[in-house]
Amino acid sequence: MANIDALFRLDGRVAVITGGAGLLGYQHAATIAGLGGQVVLLDINAEGLAVNAARLREETGAAVMTQVADITELAQVEVAGAEVLKQYGRVDVLINNAARNPKVESSADKDFSRLENFPWEQWQLDLNVGLGGAFNCAKVFGAQMATQGGGVIVNIASDLGVIAPDQRLYRQEGRAPELQPVKPVTYSVVKHGLIGLTKYLATYWCEQGVRCNALSPGGVYAGQNGVFVSKLAQLIPLGRMAEADEYRGAIAFLCSDASSYMNGSNLVIDGGRSTW
């Protein structure tokens, strides 16, 4: 029987994390580094990358590689992939974490978050990043894993990839029904799509030893409006939003040999919200 602690170790493994400049990007990276893995942070936001990389070096002592790239552009992902291979010679983990959480501006007489008014350009941009970017990164880094004989892809979906958004959370007193803000359609479409992509990838390179699973987190508390937080907490059996570091255990499991027989699954960790 394998040693339980050893199952979770990632010593010598190289993990590419997209959306590496973000809140959860940092948490995923800290998990990988803490288990002995080599972290590569990839994002279009150079300033945010520098901040997260510096924080990781200070808090974990790990070496961190950063790559600035627009994941909607395949050529830029290919360049980033070549740099990673030049530095480390392999890729063992890809965490497709990059996403847009669309904030759609509205006018006095029209709310553009609503489906009837949602801009086509916004639809394209959100899907290009959330789904197109994951596709491009899987295309480059997944193919490398298949060539080298194994690896792990983790797609970060959402509880809203499993259930529909409860639009009551966004309702504002005193506004007409047609002016009520809603969770934009693209967020749900992207997260549902990532779960579909997960299932596709799980069987595509499985003979070459590449596994793919999804993680569907619930909402993470990051200083949101108190009224919104209170409303959302009432929809969650545990009665609260997640803390940013509460998905570290799931990432450790999904990226390591601890989940070696898990493939094509969606791990939902949402405080029980999707059970109601």
Protein backbone atom coordinates (compact mmCIF):
# COMPACT_ATOMS: atom_id res chain seq x y z
CA MET A 1 0.00 0.00 0.00
CA ALA A 2 1.32 3.45 -0.93
CA ASN A 3 2.23 5.85 1.85
CA ILE A 4 -0.66 8.31 2.20
CA ASP A 5 1.59 11.36 2.57
CA ALA A 6 3.59 10.33 -0.48
CA LEU A 7 0.43 10.11 -2.59
CA PHE A 8 -0.07 13.85 -2.27
CA ARG A 9 3.54 14.88 -2.96
CA LEU A 10 4.34 16.70 -6.20
CA ASP A 11 8.12 16.75 -5.94
CA GLY A 12 9.76 17.46 -9.28
CA ARG A 13 6.47 18.02 -11.08
CA VAL A 14 5.87 21.15 -13.12
CA ALA A 15 2.45 22.81 -12.83
CA VAL A 16 1.19 25.53 -15.17
CA ILE A 17 -1.59 27.64 -13.65
CA THR A 18 -3.56 30.01 -15.85
CA GLY A 19 -5.15 33.04 -14.25
CA GLY A 20 -2.02 33.04 -12.10
CA ALA A 21 -2.44 36.70 -11.19
CA GLY A 22 -5.78 36.11 -9.48
CA LEU A 23 -7.06 35.26 -6.03
CA LEU A 24 -7.50 31.52 -6.57
CA GLY A 25 -4.52 31.37 -8.90
CA TYR A 26 -2.35 32.24 -5.92
CA GLN A 27 -4.04 29.63 -3.72
CA HIS A 28 -3.58 26.89 -6.33
CA ALA A 29 0.07 27.85 -6.72
CA ALA A 30 0.72 27.89 -2.97
CA THR A 31 -0.72 24.38 -2.77
CA ILE A 32 1.51 23.08 -5.55
CA ALA A 33 4.60 24.74 -4.08
CA GLY A 34 3.83 23.42 -0.62
CA LEU A 35 3.78 19.87 -1.99
CA GLY A 36 7.17 20.25 -3.65
CA GLY A 37 6.02 21.11 -7.16
CA GLN A 38 7.44 23.71 -9.50
CA VAL A 39 5.00 26.54 -10.17
CA VAL A 40 4.53 28.35 -13.48
CA LEU A 41 2.09 31.26 -13.28
CA LEU A 42 0.54 32.31 -16.59
CA ASP A 43 -1.63 35.40 -17.05
CA ILE A 44 -2.15 38.42 -19.28
CA ASN A 45 -1.74 40.67 -16.22
CA ALA A 46 2.01 41.18 -15.82
CA GLU A 47 1.68 43.34 -12.71
CA GLY A 48 -0.58 40.84 -10.96
CA LEU A 49 1.79 38.02 -11.87
CA ALA A 50 4.70 39.86 -10.28
CA VAL A 51 2.72 40.45 -7.08
CA ASN A 52 1.63 36.82 -6.74
CA ALA A 53 5.08 35.48 -7.62
CA ALA A 54 6.74 37.69 -5.02
CA ARG A 55 4.22 36.63 -2.40
CA LEU A 56 4.79 32.97 -3.20
CA ARG A 57 8.55 33.29 -2.97
CA GLU A 58 8.27 35.09 0.35
CA GLU A 59 5.69 32.78 1.92
CA THR A 60 6.82 29.40 0.54
CA GLY A 61 10.44 29.91 -0.45
CA ALA A 62 9.67 28.26 -3.78
CA ALA A 63 11.09 29.27 -7.12
CA VAL A 64 8.33 30.63 -9.35
CA MET A 65 8.31 31.06 -13.12
CA THR A 66 5.96 33.61 -14.66
CA GLN A 67 4.75 33.82 -18.24
CA VAL A 68 2.76 36.74 -19.63
CA ALA A 69 0.39 35.49 -22.31
CA ASP A 70 -3.07 36.07 -23.72
CA ILE A 71 -4.54 32.58 -23.65
CA THR A 72 -7.09 33.50 -26.32
CA GLU A 73 -4.15 33.66 -28.75
CA LEU A 74 -2.81 30.18 -29.52
CA ALA A 75 0.53 31.55 -30.71
CA GLN A 76 1.14 33.19 -27.34
CA VAL A 77 0.29 29.97 -25.49
CA GLU A 78 2.69 28.09 -27.76
CA VAL A 79 5.47 30.56 -26.94
CA ALA A 80 4.76 30.17 -23.23
CA GLY A 81 4.80 26.41 -23.61
CA ALA A 82 8.15 26.52 -25.35
CA GLU A 83 9.59 28.65 -22.54
CA VAL A 84 8.37 26.21 -19.91
CA LEU A 85 9.92 23.28 -21.77
CA LYS A 86 13.16 25.21 -22.21
CA GLN A 87 13.30 25.84 -18.46
CA TYR A 88 12.05 22.51 -17.09
CA GLY A 89 11.83 20.05 -19.97
CA ARG A 90 8.33 18.87 -19.09
CA VAL A 91 4.83 19.77 -17.91
CA ASP A 92 3.01 17.55 -15.43
CA VAL A 93 -0.01 19.58 -14.36
CA LEU A 94 -2.22 22.14 -16.08
CA ILE A 95 -4.77 24.04 -14.02
CA ASN A 96 -7.15 25.91 -16.32
CA ASN A 97 -8.11 28.59 -13.82
CA ALA A 98 -8.34 31.72 -16.00
CA ALA A 99 -11.80 33.23 -16.37
CA ARG A 100 -13.69 36.46 -16.65
CA ASN A 101 -16.35 37.26 -14.07
CA PRO A 102 -18.25 39.66 -16.30
CA LYS A 103 -19.25 43.00 -14.82
CA VAL A 104 -21.59 44.55 -17.35
CA GLU A 105 -22.25 48.27 -17.21
CA SER A 106 -25.84 49.49 -17.36
CA SER A 107 -27.57 52.74 -18.21
CA ALA A 108 -30.54 54.44 -16.58
CA ASP A 109 -32.99 52.80 -18.96
CA LYS A 110 -31.31 49.47 -19.78
CA ASP A 111 -29.50 46.76 -17.81
CA PHE A 112 -26.95 45.09 -20.06
CA SER A 113 -26.44 42.08 -17.78
CA ARG A 114 -29.90 40.86 -18.77
CA LEU A 115 -30.10 38.30 -21.55
CA GLU A 116 -32.25 40.52 -23.81
CA ASN A 117 -29.61 43.27 -23.72
CA PHE A 118 -26.39 41.29 -23.30
CA PRO A 119 -23.84 42.49 -25.91
CA TRP A 120 -22.64 40.00 -28.50
CA GLU A 121 -19.11 41.34 -28.12
CA GLN A 122 -19.22 40.58 -24.39
CA TRP A 123 -20.47 37.05 -25.10
CA GLN A 124 -17.55 36.44 -27.46
CA LEU A 125 -14.95 37.88 -25.07
CA ASP A 126 -16.14 35.86 -22.08
CA LEU A 127 -16.28 32.59 -24.02
CA ASN A 128 -12.94 33.27 -25.70
CA VAL A 129 -11.20 33.53 -22.34
CA GLY A 130 -13.06 30.95 -20.28
CA LEU A 131 -13.52 28.23 -22.90
CA GLY A 132 -11.24 29.22 -25.76
CA GLY A 133 -8.33 29.82 -23.41
CA ALA A 134 -8.81 26.44 -21.72
CA PHE A 135 -8.94 24.81 -25.16
CA ASN A 136 -5.72 26.51 -26.27
CA CYS A 137 -3.88 25.59 -23.08
CA ALA A 138 -5.07 21.99 -23.22
CA LYS A 139 -4.00 21.87 -26.86
CA VAL A 140 -0.45 22.96 -26.03
CA PHE A 141 0.23 21.59 -22.55
CA GLY A 142 -2.01 18.52 -22.78
CA ALA A 143 -0.32 17.46 -26.00
CA GLN A 144 3.05 17.78 -24.28
CA MET A 145 1.85 15.59 -21.40
CA ALA A 146 0.66 12.98 -23.88
CA THR A 147 4.05 13.03 -25.63
CA GLN A 148 5.94 12.57 -22.37
CA GLY A 149 3.61 9.80 -21.17
CA GLY A 150 1.34 11.33 -18.55
CA GLY A 151 0.01 14.30 -16.66
CA VAL A 152 -3.02 15.90 -15.08
CA ILE A 153 -5.40 18.60 -16.29
CA VAL A 154 -7.72 20.31 -13.80
CA ASN A 155 -10.43 22.63 -15.12
CA ILE A 156 -11.80 25.13 -12.61
CA ALA A 157 -15.55 25.22 -13.17
CA SER A 158 -18.12 26.43 -10.61
CA ASP A 159 -21.21 25.41 -8.69
CA LEU A 160 -22.93 27.52 -11.37
CA GLY A 161 -21.72 24.94 -13.86
CA VAL A 162 -23.97 22.48 -12.03
CA ILE A 163 -26.94 24.60 -10.98
CA ALA A 164 -28.58 27.72 -12.36
CA PRO A 165 -27.80 31.09 -10.77
CA ASP A 166 -30.39 32.31 -8.28
CA GLN A 167 -31.08 35.74 -9.73
CA ARG A 168 -32.74 36.87 -6.50
CA LEU A 169 -29.22 37.37 -5.13
CA TYR A 170 -28.68 40.33 -7.46
CA ARG A 171 -32.10 41.95 -7.11
CA GLN A 172 -32.16 45.62 -6.13
CA GLU A 173 -35.05 47.26 -4.31
CA GLY A 174 -36.97 49.90 -6.21
CA ARG A 175 -35.88 48.88 -9.72
CA ALA A 176 -38.32 47.84 -12.40
CA PRO A 177 -38.24 44.12 -13.38
CA GLU A 178 -36.66 44.86 -16.76
CA LEU A 179 -33.88 46.83 -15.03
CA GLN A 180 -32.99 44.23 -12.40
CA PRO A 181 -29.35 43.10 -12.68
CA VAL A 182 -28.64 39.38 -13.08
CA LYS A 183 -25.67 37.04 -13.18
CA PRO A 184 -24.64 37.26 -16.85
CA VAL A 185 -25.39 34.28 -19.06
CA THR A 186 -21.77 33.78 -20.10
CA TYR A 187 -20.61 32.78 -16.64
CA SER A 188 -22.95 29.79 -16.54
CA VAL A 189 -22.27 28.85 -20.15
CA VAL A 190 -18.49 28.91 -19.67
CA LYS A 191 -18.58 26.86 -16.46
CA HIS A 192 -20.97 24.27 -17.91
CA GLY A 193 -18.74 24.15 -20.98
CA LEU A 194 -15.64 23.49 -18.92
CA ILE A 195 -17.27 20.44 -17.41
CA GLY A 196 -18.04 19.23 -20.94
CA LEU A 197 -14.45 19.89 -22.00
CA THR A 198 -13.29 17.93 -18.96
CA LYS A 199 -15.20 14.84 -20.03
CA TYR A 200 -13.89 15.11 -23.57
CA LEU A 201 -10.27 15.47 -22.49
CA ALA A 202 -10.61 12.64 -19.97
CA THR A 203 -10.94 10.12 -22.78
CA TYR A 204 -8.87 11.87 -25.44
CA TRP A 205 -5.36 11.25 -24.07
CA CYS A 206 -6.14 8.60 -21.46
CA GLU A 207 -4.13 5.94 -23.32
CA GLN A 208 -1.12 8.25 -23.01
CA GLY A 209 -1.64 8.60 -19.26
CA VAL A 210 -3.27 12.05 -19.18
CA ARG A 211 -6.16 12.44 -16.73
CA CYS A 212 -8.60 15.34 -16.63
CA ASN A 213 -11.03 16.35 -13.89
CA ALA A 214 -12.94 19.48 -12.95
CA LEU A 215 -13.28 21.33 -9.67
CA SER A 216 -16.52 23.23 -9.10
CA PRO A 217 -16.06 25.64 -6.20
CA GLY A 218 -18.77 27.68 -4.57
CA GLY A 219 -18.53 31.41 -4.01
CA VAL A 220 -15.37 32.69 -2.32
CA TYR A 221 -15.62 35.55 0.14
CA ALA A 222 -13.55 38.49 -1.08
CA GLY A 223 -15.12 41.53 0.56
CA GLN A 224 -18.41 41.40 -1.32
CA ASN A 225 -21.38 43.54 -0.34
CA GLY A 226 -22.79 42.43 3.01
CA VAL A 227 -26.37 42.16 1.75
CA PHE A 228 -25.26 39.87 -1.08
CA VAL A 229 -23.17 37.73 1.28
CA SER A 230 -26.10 37.37 3.69
CA LYS A 231 -28.48 36.35 0.89
CA LEU A 232 -26.03 33.81 -0.51
CA ALA A 233 -25.29 32.32 2.91
CA GLN A 234 -28.98 31.46 3.25
CA LEU A 235 -28.70 29.28 0.13
CA ILE A 236 -25.74 27.29 1.49
CA PRO A 237 -26.29 24.51 4.06
CA LEU A 238 -23.00 25.39 5.77
CA GLY A 239 -24.31 28.95 6.10
CA ARG A 240 -21.35 30.84 4.67
CA MET A 241 -19.20 31.48 1.63
CA ALA A 242 -15.85 29.74 1.25
CA GLU A 243 -12.57 31.20 2.39
CA ALA A 244 -10.01 31.54 -0.39
CA ASP A 245 -7.76 28.79 0.99
CA GLU A 246 -10.49 26.18 1.45
CA TYR A 247 -9.92 24.62 -1.97
CA ARG A 248 -6.29 23.78 -1.34
CA GLY A 249 -7.09 20.24 -0.26
CA ALA A 250 -9.10 19.63 -3.41
CA ILE A 251 -6.28 20.92 -5.61
CA ALA A 252 -3.76 18.74 -3.78
CA PHE A 253 -5.99 15.72 -4.36
CA LEU A 254 -6.77 16.39 -8.02
CA CYS A 255 -3.21 17.23 -9.05
CA SER A 256 -1.50 14.34 -7.27
CA ASP A 257 -1.44 10.56 -7.36
CA ALA A 258 -4.03 10.60 -4.57
CA SER A 259 -6.63 10.85 -7.38
CA SER A 260 -4.87 8.43 -9.73
CA TYR A 261 -8.08 6.54 -10.57
CA MET A 262 -10.23 9.64 -10.95
CA ASN A 263 -10.82 10.75 -14.52
CA GLY A 264 -13.60 12.75 -16.17
CA SER A 265 -15.21 13.68 -12.85
CA ASN A 266 -16.42 16.97 -11.45
CA LEU A 267 -15.58 17.56 -7.78
CA VAL A 268 -18.22 19.92 -6.36
CA ILE A 269 -17.20 21.79 -3.21
CA ASP A 270 -19.84 24.42 -2.53
CA GLY A 271 -20.83 24.07 1.10
CA GLY A 272 -23.77 21.96 0.00
CA ARG A 273 -25.48 24.64 -2.09
CA SER A 274 -26.08 22.39 -5.09
CA THR A 275 -27.78 19.77 -2.90
CA TRP A 276 -30.78 22.05 -2.27
